[in-house]
Amino acid sequence: MVNVIARSRLKSGCMEEYLRILKANVPTVLAEEGCLRYEPCLDVDADPAKGEYVTILESWESQAHLQAHLATKHMAAFRDAVAPLREENNVLVVTPA
């Protein structure tokens, strides 16, 4: 199993649009082979003065499943749609010890 923590810092005022696009994509991702979890999350103690962040927690059966996910047309469309809304995106891929 591999886990992904994908954290995006959004441009000011873009949270609502970003979440709309993201939530529309969630059912498609969850239906992918090997997807165990794909969950958008918001900071509990968010401080808008420090930026607006969205974190996606993902779990995949294998690295191969994650790679297949990243190569899908719907993820390419998602990345294109949210690119103008993000300041930065950081992805951490980990596996259980």
PDB file of N, CA and C in Angstrom:
ATOM      1  N   MET A   1       0.851  -1.174   0.000  1.00  0.00           N
ATOM      2  CA  MET A   1       0.000   0.000   0.000  1.00  0.00           C
ATOM      3  C   MET A   1       0.896   1.237   0.000  1.00  0.00           C
ATOM      4  N   VAL A   2       0.418   2.278  -0.704  1.00  0.00           N
ATOM      5  CA  VAL A   2       1.073   3.582  -0.656  1.00  0.00           C
ATOM      6  C   VAL A   2       0.033   4.619  -0.262  1.00  0.00           C
ATOM      7  N   ASN A   3       0.498   5.594   0.494  1.00  0.00           N
ATOM      8  CA  ASN A   3      -0.343   6.698   0.918  1.00  0.00           C
ATOM      9  C   ASN A   3       0.200   7.984   0.329  1.00  0.00           C
ATOM     10  N   VAL A   4      -0.696   8.871  -0.003  1.00  0.00           N
ATOM     11  CA  VAL A   4      -0.322  10.150  -0.603  1.00  0.00           C
ATOM     12  C   VAL A   4      -0.926  11.269   0.238  1.00  0.00           C
ATOM     13  N   ILE A   5      -0.114  12.274   0.510  1.00  0.00           N
ATOM     14  CA  ILE A   5      -0.577  13.500   1.139  1.00  0.00           C
ATOM     15  C   ILE A   5      -0.290  14.603   0.129  1.00  0.00           C
ATOM     16  N   ALA A   6      -1.338  15.099  -0.506  1.00  0.00           N
ATOM     17  CA  ALA A   6      -1.204  16.131  -1.538  1.00  0.00           C
ATOM     18  C   ALA A   6      -1.787  17.427  -0.976  1.00  0.00           C
ATOM     19  N   ARG A   7      -0.928  18.424  -0.800  1.00  0.00           N
ATOM     20  CA  ARG A   7      -1.340  19.673  -0.155  1.00  0.00           C
ATOM     21  C   ARG A   7      -1.166  20.828  -1.124  1.00  0.00           C
ATOM     22  N   SER A   8      -2.249  21.575  -1.327  1.00  0.00           N
ATOM     23  CA  SER A   8      -2.235  22.718  -2.239  1.00  0.00           C
ATOM     24  C   SER A   8      -2.495  24.009  -1.473  1.00  0.00           C
ATOM     25  N   ARG A   9      -1.677  25.007  -1.759  1.00  0.00           N
ATOM     26  CA  ARG A   9      -1.954  26.357  -1.257  1.00  0.00           C
ATOM     27  C   ARG A   9      -2.642  27.095  -2.383  1.00  0.00           C
ATOM     28  N   LEU A  10      -3.832  27.605  -2.096  1.00  0.00           N
ATOM     29  CA  LEU A  10      -4.652  28.225  -3.122  1.00  0.00           C
ATOM     30  C   LEU A  10      -4.439  29.731  -3.174  1.00  0.00           C
ATOM     31  N   LYS A  11      -4.707  30.287  -4.327  1.00  0.00           N
ATOM     32  CA  LYS A  11      -4.711  31.737  -4.471  1.00  0.00           C
ATOM     33  C   LYS A  11      -5.900  32.287  -3.684  1.00  0.00           C
ATOM     34  N   SER A  12      -5.752  33.493  -3.231  1.00  0.00           N
ATOM     35  CA  SER A  12      -6.805  34.131  -2.445  1.00  0.00           C
ATOM     36  C   SER A  12      -8.128  34.136  -3.203  1.00  0.00           C
ATOM     37  N   GLY A  13      -9.185  33.722  -2.504  1.00  0.00           N
ATOM     38  CA  GLY A  13     -10.519  33.740  -3.075  1.00  0.00           C
ATOM     39  C   GLY A  13     -10.862  32.571  -3.979  1.00  0.00           C
ATOM     40  N   CYS A  14     -10.000  31.567  -4.057  1.00  0.00           N
ATOM     41  CA  CYS A  14     -10.209  30.449  -4.991  1.00  0.00           C
ATOM     42  C   CYS A  14     -10.717  29.172  -4.331  1.00  0.00           C
ATOM     43  N   MET A  15     -10.909  29.180  -3.022  1.00  0.00           N
ATOM     44  CA  MET A  15     -11.280  27.954  -2.303  1.00  0.00           C
ATOM     45  C   MET A  15     -12.577  27.346  -2.837  1.00  0.00           C
ATOM     46  N   GLU A  16     -13.616  28.130  -2.980  1.00  0.00           N
ATOM     47  CA  GLU A  16     -14.913  27.592  -3.390  1.00  0.00           C
ATOM     48  C   GLU A  16     -14.836  26.911  -4.760  1.00  0.00           C
ATOM     49  N   GLU A  17     -14.200  27.549  -5.710  1.00  0.00           N
ATOM     50  CA  GLU A  17     -14.078  26.976  -7.056  1.00  0.00           C
ATOM     51  C   GLU A  17     -13.207  25.725  -7.037  1.00  0.00           C
ATOM     52  N   TYR A  18     -12.105  25.765  -6.297  1.00  0.00           N
ATOM     53  CA  TYR A  18     -11.219  24.608  -6.193  1.00  0.00           C
ATOM     54  C   TYR A  18     -11.976  23.412  -5.619  1.00  0.00           C
ATOM     55  N   LEU A  19     -12.714  23.634  -4.519  1.00  0.00           N
ATOM     56  CA  LEU A  19     -13.458  22.536  -3.904  1.00  0.00           C
ATOM     57  C   LEU A  19     -14.557  22.009  -4.819  1.00  0.00           C
ATOM     58  N   ARG A  20     -15.182  22.875  -5.581  1.00  0.00           N
ATOM     59  CA  ARG A  20     -16.211  22.426  -6.524  1.00  0.00           C
ATOM     60  C   ARG A  20     -15.604  21.465  -7.542  1.00  0.00           C
ATOM     61  N   ILE A  21     -14.478  21.835  -8.111  1.00  0.00           N
ATOM     62  CA  ILE A  21     -13.801  20.997  -9.113  1.00  0.00           C
ATOM     63  C   ILE A  21     -13.317  19.696  -8.473  1.00  0.00           C
ATOM     64  N   LEU A  22     -12.707  19.803  -7.301  1.00  0.00           N
ATOM     65  CA  LEU A  22     -12.174  18.632  -6.610  1.00  0.00           C
ATOM     66  C   LEU A  22     -13.278  17.647  -6.254  1.00  0.00           C
ATOM     67  N   LYS A  23     -14.345  18.130  -5.636  1.00  0.00           N
ATOM     68  CA  LYS A  23     -15.420  17.237  -5.201  1.00  0.00           C
ATOM     69  C   LYS A  23     -16.126  16.568  -6.375  1.00  0.00           C
ATOM     70  N   ALA A  24     -16.168  17.225  -7.519  1.00  0.00           N
ATOM     71  CA  ALA A  24     -16.762  16.607  -8.709  1.00  0.00           C
ATOM     72  C   ALA A  24     -15.903  15.436  -9.203  1.00  0.00           C
ATOM     73  N   ASN A  25     -14.603  15.486  -8.920  1.00  0.00           N
ATOM     74  CA  ASN A  25     -13.677  14.450  -9.382  1.00  0.00           C
ATOM     75  C   ASN A  25     -13.588  13.263  -8.412  1.00  0.00           C
ATOM     76  N   VAL A  26     -13.953  13.464  -7.166  1.00  0.00           N
ATOM     77  CA  VAL A  26     -13.784  12.432  -6.139  1.00  0.00           C
ATOM     78  C   VAL A  26     -14.451  11.101  -6.504  1.00  0.00           C
ATOM     79  N   PRO A  27     -15.729  11.067  -6.911  1.00  0.00           N
ATOM     80  CA  PRO A  27     -16.336   9.762  -7.226  1.00  0.00           C
ATOM     81  C   PRO A  27     -15.613   9.002  -8.341  1.00  0.00           C
ATOM     82  N   THR A  28     -15.100   9.724  -9.312  1.00  0.00           N
ATOM     83  CA  THR A  28     -14.373   9.080 -10.409  1.00  0.00           C
ATOM     84  C   THR A  28     -13.087   8.450  -9.894  1.00  0.00           C
ATOM     85  N   VAL A  29     -12.385   9.167  -9.025  1.00  0.00           N
ATOM     86  CA  VAL A  29     -11.142   8.622  -8.462  1.00  0.00           C
ATOM     87  C   VAL A  29     -11.443   7.417  -7.577  1.00  0.00           C
ATOM     88  N   LEU A  30     -12.454   7.521  -6.732  1.00  0.00           N
ATOM     89  CA  LEU A  30     -12.791   6.406  -5.845  1.00  0.00           C
ATOM     90  C   LEU A  30     -13.179   5.147  -6.609  1.00  0.00           C
ATOM     91  N   ALA A  31     -13.661   5.302  -7.831  1.00  0.00           N
ATOM     92  CA  ALA A  31     -14.050   4.152  -8.656  1.00  0.00           C
ATOM     93  C   ALA A  31     -12.857   3.490  -9.354  1.00  0.00           C
ATOM     94  N   GLU A  32     -11.689   4.134  -9.297  1.00  0.00           N
ATOM     95  CA  GLU A  32     -10.509   3.577  -9.956  1.00  0.00           C
ATOM     96  C   GLU A  32     -10.044   2.304  -9.261  1.00  0.00           C
ATOM     97  N   GLU A  33      -9.532   1.387 -10.061  1.00  0.00           N
ATOM     98  CA  GLU A  33      -8.970   0.159  -9.519  1.00  0.00           C
ATOM     99  C   GLU A  33      -7.814   0.497  -8.592  1.00  0.00           C
ATOM    100  N   GLY A  34      -7.827  -0.072  -7.397  1.00  0.00           N
ATOM    101  CA  GLY A  34      -6.724   0.111  -6.456  1.00  0.00           C
ATOM    102  C   GLY A  34      -6.870   1.293  -5.519  1.00  0.00           C
ATOM    103  N   CYS A  35      -7.905   2.111  -5.701  1.00  0.00           N
ATOM    104  CA  CYS A  35      -8.107   3.263  -4.825  1.00  0.00           C
ATOM    105  C   CYS A  35      -8.779   2.808  -3.531  1.00  0.00           C
ATOM    106  N   LEU A  36      -8.115   3.048  -2.420  1.00  0.00           N
ATOM    107  CA  LEU A  36      -8.651   2.696  -1.109  1.00  0.00           C
ATOM    108  C   LEU A  36      -9.208   3.919  -0.385  1.00  0.00           C
ATOM    109  N   ARG A  37      -8.658   5.083  -0.698  1.00  0.00           N
ATOM    110  CA  ARG A  37      -9.082   6.331  -0.035  1.00  0.00           C
ATOM    111  C   ARG A  37      -8.694   7.512  -0.914  1.00  0.00           C
ATOM    112  N   TYR A  38      -9.611   8.462  -1.006  1.00  0.00           N
ATOM    113  CA  TYR A  38      -9.337   9.727  -1.694  1.00  0.00           C
ATOM    114  C   TYR A  38     -10.216  10.757  -1.005  1.00  0.00           C
ATOM    115  N   GLU A  39      -9.637  11.474  -0.061  1.00  0.00           N
ATOM    116  CA  GLU A  39     -10.419  12.303   0.847  1.00  0.00           C
ATOM    117  C   GLU A  39      -9.888  13.737   0.928  1.00  0.00           C
ATOM    118  N   PRO A  40     -10.642  14.694   0.404  1.00  0.00           N
ATOM    119  CA  PRO A  40     -10.265  16.099   0.558  1.00  0.00           C
ATOM    120  C   PRO A  40     -10.446  16.542   2.013  1.00  0.00           C
ATOM    121  N   CYS A  41      -9.488  17.313   2.523  1.00  0.00           N
ATOM    122  CA  CYS A  41      -9.532  17.779   3.905  1.00  0.00           C
ATOM    123  C   CYS A  41      -9.147  19.260   3.973  1.00  0.00           C
ATOM    124  N   LEU A  42      -9.689  19.939   4.972  1.00  0.00           N
ATOM    125  CA  LEU A  42      -9.343  21.327   5.249  1.00  0.00           C
ATOM    126  C   LEU A  42      -8.687  21.400   6.619  1.00  0.00           C
ATOM    127  N   ASP A  43      -7.800  22.376   6.811  1.00  0.00           N
ATOM    128  CA  ASP A  43      -7.149  22.560   8.097  1.00  0.00           C
ATOM    129  C   ASP A  43      -8.180  22.889   9.165  1.00  0.00           C
ATOM    130  N   VAL A  44      -8.066  22.269  10.316  1.00  0.00           N
ATOM    131  CA  VAL A  44      -8.976  22.524  11.422  1.00  0.00           C
ATOM    132  C   VAL A  44      -8.811  23.946  11.933  1.00  0.00           C
ATOM    133  N   ASP A  45      -7.582  24.383  12.084  1.00  0.00           N
ATOM    134  CA  ASP A  45      -7.291  25.716  12.608  1.00  0.00           C
ATOM    135  C   ASP A  45      -6.757  26.621  11.505  1.00  0.00           C
ATOM    136  N   ALA A  46      -7.469  26.665  10.383  1.00  0.00           N
ATOM    137  CA  ALA A  46      -7.012  27.454   9.236  1.00  0.00           C
ATOM    138  C   ALA A  46      -6.884  28.929   9.604  1.00  0.00           C
ATOM    139  N   ASP A  47      -5.809  29.526   9.154  1.00  0.00           N
ATOM    140  CA  ASP A  47      -5.574  30.955   9.327  1.00  0.00           C
ATOM    141  C   ASP A  47      -5.450  31.552   7.933  1.00  0.00           C
ATOM    142  N   PRO A  48      -6.526  32.169   7.417  1.00  0.00           N
ATOM    143  CA  PRO A  48      -6.489  32.717   6.059  1.00  0.00           C
ATOM    144  C   PRO A  48      -5.332  33.680   5.813  1.00  0.00           C
ATOM    145  N   ALA A  49      -4.835  34.297   6.865  1.00  0.00           N
ATOM    146  CA  ALA A  49      -3.694  35.207   6.709  1.00  0.00           C
ATOM    147  C   ALA A  49      -2.439  34.453   6.268  1.00  0.00           C
ATOM    148  N   LYS A  50      -2.387  33.156   6.566  1.00  0.00           N
ATOM    149  CA  LYS A  50      -1.241  32.331   6.174  1.00  0.00           C
ATOM    150  C   LYS A  50      -1.491  31.592   4.871  1.00  0.00           C
ATOM    151  N   GLY A  51      -2.663  31.777   4.279  1.00  0.00           N
ATOM    152  CA  GLY A  51      -3.006  31.124   3.029  1.00  0.00           C
ATOM    153  C   GLY A  51      -4.135  30.128   3.222  1.00  0.00           C
ATOM    154  N   GLU A  52      -4.758  29.774   2.129  1.00  0.00           N
ATOM    155  CA  GLU A  52      -5.821  28.777   2.146  1.00  0.00           C
ATOM    156  C   GLU A  52      -5.259  27.475   1.584  1.00  0.00           C
ATOM    157  N   TYR A  53      -5.452  26.394   2.320  1.00  0.00           N
ATOM    158  CA  TYR A  53      -4.895  25.095   1.955  1.00  0.00           C
ATOM    159  C   TYR A  53      -5.971  24.033   1.847  1.00  0.00           C
ATOM    160  N   VAL A  54      -5.765  23.104   0.920  1.00  0.00           N
ATOM    161  CA  VAL A  54      -6.567  21.895   0.818  1.00  0.00           C
ATOM    162  C   VAL A  54      -5.583  20.736   0.772  1.00  0.00           C
ATOM    163  N   THR A  55      -5.871  19.715   1.565  1.00  0.00           N
ATOM    164  CA  THR A  55      -5.041  18.520   1.597  1.00  0.00           C
ATOM    165  C   THR A  55      -5.889  17.341   1.158  1.00  0.00           C
ATOM    166  N   ILE A  56      -5.359  16.542   0.251  1.00  0.00           N
ATOM    167  CA  ILE A  56      -6.035  15.322  -0.179  1.00  0.00           C
ATOM    168  C   ILE A  56      -5.253  14.145   0.400  1.00  0.00           C
ATOM    169  N   LEU A  57      -5.958  13.298   1.154  1.00  0.00           N
ATOM    170  CA  LEU A  57      -5.373  12.080   1.699  1.00  0.00           C
ATOM    171  C   LEU A  57      -5.791  10.921   0.807  1.00  0.00           C
ATOM    172  N   GLU A  58      -4.801  10.196   0.313  1.00  0.00           N
ATOM    173  CA  GLU A  58      -5.066   9.102  -0.625  1.00  0.00           C
ATOM    174  C   GLU A  58      -4.395   7.824  -0.129  1.00  0.00           C
ATOM    175  N   SER A  59      -5.011   6.705  -0.425  1.00  0.00           N
ATOM    176  CA  SER A  59      -4.381   5.400  -0.210  1.00  0.00           C
ATOM    177  C   SER A  59      -4.635   4.548  -1.445  1.00  0.00           C
ATOM    178  N   TRP A  60      -3.582   3.880  -1.897  1.00  0.00           N
ATOM    179  CA  TRP A  60      -3.627   3.042  -3.095  1.00  0.00           C
ATOM    180  C   TRP A  60      -3.069   1.671  -2.765  1.00  0.00           C
ATOM    181  N   GLU A  61      -3.610   0.654  -3.418  1.00  0.00           N
ATOM    182  CA  GLU A  61      -3.155  -0.715  -3.168  1.00  0.00           C
ATOM    183  C   GLU A  61      -1.669  -0.880  -3.473  1.00  0.00           C
ATOM    184  N   SER A  62      -1.175  -0.156  -4.485  1.00  0.00           N
ATOM    185  CA  SER A  62       0.225  -0.300  -4.878  1.00  0.00           C
ATOM    186  C   SER A  62       0.701   0.961  -5.593  1.00  0.00           C
ATOM    187  N   GLN A  63       1.998   1.046  -5.747  1.00  0.00           N
ATOM    188  CA  GLN A  63       2.592   2.149  -6.503  1.00  0.00           C
ATOM    189  C   GLN A  63       2.106   2.126  -7.953  1.00  0.00           C
ATOM    190  N   ALA A  64       1.917   0.927  -8.500  1.00  0.00           N
ATOM    191  CA  ALA A  64       1.418   0.809  -9.877  1.00  0.00           C
ATOM    192  C   ALA A  64       0.018   1.407 -10.006  1.00  0.00           C
ATOM    193  N   HIS A  65      -0.828   1.190  -9.006  1.00  0.00           N
ATOM    194  CA  HIS A  65      -2.171   1.778  -9.033  1.00  0.00           C
ATOM    195  C   HIS A  65      -2.090   3.309  -8.965  1.00  0.00           C
ATOM    196  N   LEU A  66      -1.214   3.817  -8.132  1.00  0.00           N
ATOM    197  CA  LEU A  66      -1.039   5.272  -8.048  1.00  0.00           C
ATOM    198  C   LEU A  66      -0.560   5.831  -9.384  1.00  0.00           C
ATOM    199  N   GLN A  67       0.398   5.175 -10.004  1.00  0.00           N
ATOM    200  CA  GLN A  67       0.910   5.649 -11.293  1.00  0.00           C
ATOM    201  C   GLN A  67      -0.181   5.625 -12.361  1.00  0.00           C
ATOM    202  N   ALA A  68      -1.001   4.582 -12.356  1.00  0.00           N
ATOM    203  CA  ALA A  68      -2.108   4.506 -13.314  1.00  0.00           C
ATOM    204  C   ALA A  68      -3.094   5.646 -13.071  1.00  0.00           C
ATOM    205  N   HIS A  69      -3.367   5.940 -11.804  1.00  0.00           N
ATOM    206  CA  HIS A  69      -4.254   7.052 -11.445  1.00  0.00           C
ATOM    207  C   HIS A  69      -3.718   8.373 -11.990  1.00  0.00           C
ATOM    208  N   LEU A  70      -2.448   8.612 -11.791  1.00  0.00           N
ATOM    209  CA  LEU A  70      -1.851   9.872 -12.235  1.00  0.00           C
ATOM    210  C   LEU A  70      -1.888  10.031 -13.751  1.00  0.00           C
ATOM    211  N   ALA A  71      -1.981   8.925 -14.472  1.00  0.00           N
ATOM    212  CA  ALA A  71      -1.980   8.958 -15.938  1.00  0.00           C
ATOM    213  C   ALA A  71      -3.383   9.030 -16.551  1.00  0.00           C
ATOM    214  N   THR A  72      -4.429   9.038 -15.723  1.00  0.00           N
ATOM    215  CA  THR A  72      -5.784   9.049 -16.267  1.00  0.00           C
ATOM    216  C   THR A  72      -6.136  10.400 -16.883  1.00  0.00           C
ATOM    217  N   LYS A  73      -7.075  10.366 -17.816  1.00  0.00           N
ATOM    218  CA  LYS A  73      -7.537  11.587 -18.468  1.00  0.00           C
ATOM    219  C   LYS A  73      -8.230  12.516 -17.481  1.00  0.00           C
ATOM    220  N   HIS A  74      -8.993  11.937 -16.538  1.00  0.00           N
ATOM    221  CA  HIS A  74      -9.700  12.807 -15.595  1.00  0.00           C
ATOM    222  C   HIS A  74      -8.740  13.521 -14.647  1.00  0.00           C
ATOM    223  N   MET A  75      -7.601  12.920 -14.342  1.00  0.00           N
ATOM    224  CA  MET A  75      -6.638  13.620 -13.491  1.00  0.00           C
ATOM    225  C   MET A  75      -5.888  14.692 -14.284  1.00  0.00           C
ATOM    226  N   ALA A  76      -5.637  14.441 -15.546  1.00  0.00           N
ATOM    227  CA  ALA A  76      -5.033  15.483 -16.381  1.00  0.00           C
ATOM    228  C   ALA A  76      -5.980  16.674 -16.489  1.00  0.00           C
ATOM    229  N   ALA A  77      -7.259  16.399 -16.675  1.00  0.00           N
ATOM    230  CA  ALA A  77      -8.257  17.466 -16.753  1.00  0.00           C
ATOM    231  C   ALA A  77      -8.360  18.203 -15.425  1.00  0.00           C
ATOM    232  N   PHE A  78      -8.295  17.469 -14.314  1.00  0.00           N
ATOM    233  CA  PHE A  78      -8.340  18.091 -12.985  1.00  0.00           C
ATOM    234  C   PHE A  78      -7.139  19.021 -12.800  1.00  0.00           C
ATOM    235  N   ARG A  79      -5.947  18.538 -13.106  1.00  0.00           N
ATOM    236  CA  ARG A  79      -4.746  19.368 -12.941  1.00  0.00           C
ATOM    237  C   ARG A  79      -4.836  20.635 -13.772  1.00  0.00           C
ATOM    238  N   ASP A  80      -5.319  20.505 -15.010  1.00  0.00           N
ATOM    239  CA  ASP A  80      -5.474  21.686 -15.869  1.00  0.00           C
ATOM    240  C   ASP A  80      -6.497  22.662 -15.293  1.00  0.00           C
ATOM    241  N   ALA A  81      -7.597  22.139 -14.767  1.00  0.00           N
ATOM    242  CA  ALA A  81      -8.666  22.995 -14.257  1.00  0.00           C
ATOM    243  C   ALA A  81      -8.257  23.755 -13.000  1.00  0.00           C
ATOM    244  N   VAL A  82      -7.457  23.123 -12.131  1.00  0.00           N
ATOM    245  CA  VAL A  82      -7.106  23.780 -10.869  1.00  0.00           C
ATOM    246  C   VAL A  82      -5.784  24.542 -10.915  1.00  0.00           C
ATOM    247  N   ALA A  83      -5.009  24.359 -11.967  1.00  0.00           N
ATOM    248  CA  ALA A  83      -3.708  25.036 -12.049  1.00  0.00           C
ATOM    249  C   ALA A  83      -3.807  26.543 -11.831  1.00  0.00           C
ATOM    250  N   PRO A  84      -4.777  27.235 -12.440  1.00  0.00           N
ATOM    251  CA  PRO A  84      -4.835  28.680 -12.218  1.00  0.00           C
ATOM    252  C   PRO A  84      -5.314  29.074 -10.817  1.00  0.00           C
ATOM    253  N   LEU A  85      -5.781  28.109 -10.036  1.00  0.00           N
ATOM    254  CA  LEU A  85      -6.308  28.388  -8.696  1.00  0.00           C
ATOM    255  C   LEU A  85      -5.272  28.169  -7.603  1.00  0.00           C
ATOM    256  N   ARG A  86      -4.154  27.514  -7.938  1.00  0.00           N
ATOM    257  CA  ARG A  86      -3.156  27.139  -6.934  1.00  0.00           C
ATOM    258  C   ARG A  86      -1.918  28.026  -7.004  1.00  0.00           C
ATOM    259  N   GLU A  87      -1.402  28.318  -5.808  1.00  0.00           N
ATOM    260  CA  GLU A  87      -0.098  28.978  -5.694  1.00  0.00           C
ATOM    261  C   GLU A  87       1.008  27.932  -5.733  1.00  0.00           C
ATOM    262  N   GLU A  88       0.764  26.822  -5.043  1.00  0.00           N
ATOM    263  CA  GLU A  88       1.758  25.745  -5.009  1.00  0.00           C
ATOM    264  C   GLU A  88       1.076  24.437  -4.670  1.00  0.00           C
ATOM    265  N   ASN A  89       1.753  23.358  -4.977  1.00  0.00           N
ATOM    266  CA  ASN A  89       1.241  22.014  -4.693  1.00  0.00           C
ATOM    267  C   ASN A  89       2.413  21.154  -4.242  1.00  0.00           C
ATOM    268  N   ASN A  90       2.257  20.474  -3.124  1.00  0.00           N
ATOM    269  CA  ASN A  90       3.293  19.584  -2.600  1.00  0.00           C
ATOM    270  C   ASN A  90       2.697  18.200  -2.417  1.00  0.00           C
ATOM    271  N   VAL A  91       3.431  17.183  -2.857  1.00  0.00           N
ATOM    272  CA  VAL A  91       2.947  15.805  -2.771  1.00  0.00           C
ATOM    273  C   VAL A  91       3.990  14.966  -2.047  1.00  0.00           C
ATOM    274  N   LEU A  92       3.513  14.229  -1.046  1.00  0.00           N
ATOM    275  CA  LEU A  92       4.353  13.315  -0.296  1.00  0.00           C
ATOM    276  C   LEU A  92       3.764  11.917  -0.459  1.00  0.00           C
ATOM    277  N   VAL A  93       4.582  10.966  -0.907  1.00  0.00           N
ATOM    278  CA  VAL A  93       4.146   9.580  -1.069  1.00  0.00           C
ATOM    279  C   VAL A  93       4.903   8.744  -0.049  1.00  0.00           C
ATOM    280  N   VAL A  94       4.143   8.016   0.776  1.00  0.00           N
ATOM    281  CA  VAL A  94       4.758   7.214   1.843  1.00  0.00           C
ATOM    282  C   VAL A  94       4.148   5.814   1.837  1.00  0.00           C
ATOM    283  N   THR A  95       4.842   4.907   2.471  1.00  0.00           N
ATOM    284  CA  THR A  95       4.358   3.541   2.624  1.00  0.00           C
ATOM    285  C   THR A  95       4.488   3.141   4.087  1.00  0.00           C
ATOM    286  N   PRO A  96       3.612   2.267   4.582  1.00  0.00           N
ATOM    287  CA  PRO A  96       3.716   1.869   5.991  1.00  0.00           C
ATOM    288  C   PRO A  96       5.075   1.245   6.300  1.00  0.00           C
ATOM    289  N   ALA A  97       5.574   1.527   7.493  1.00  0.00           N
ATOM    290  CA  ALA A  97       6.879   1.002   7.911  1.00  0.00           C
ATOM    291  C   ALA A  97       6.749  -0.442   8.346  1.00  0.00           C
TER     292      ALA A  97
END
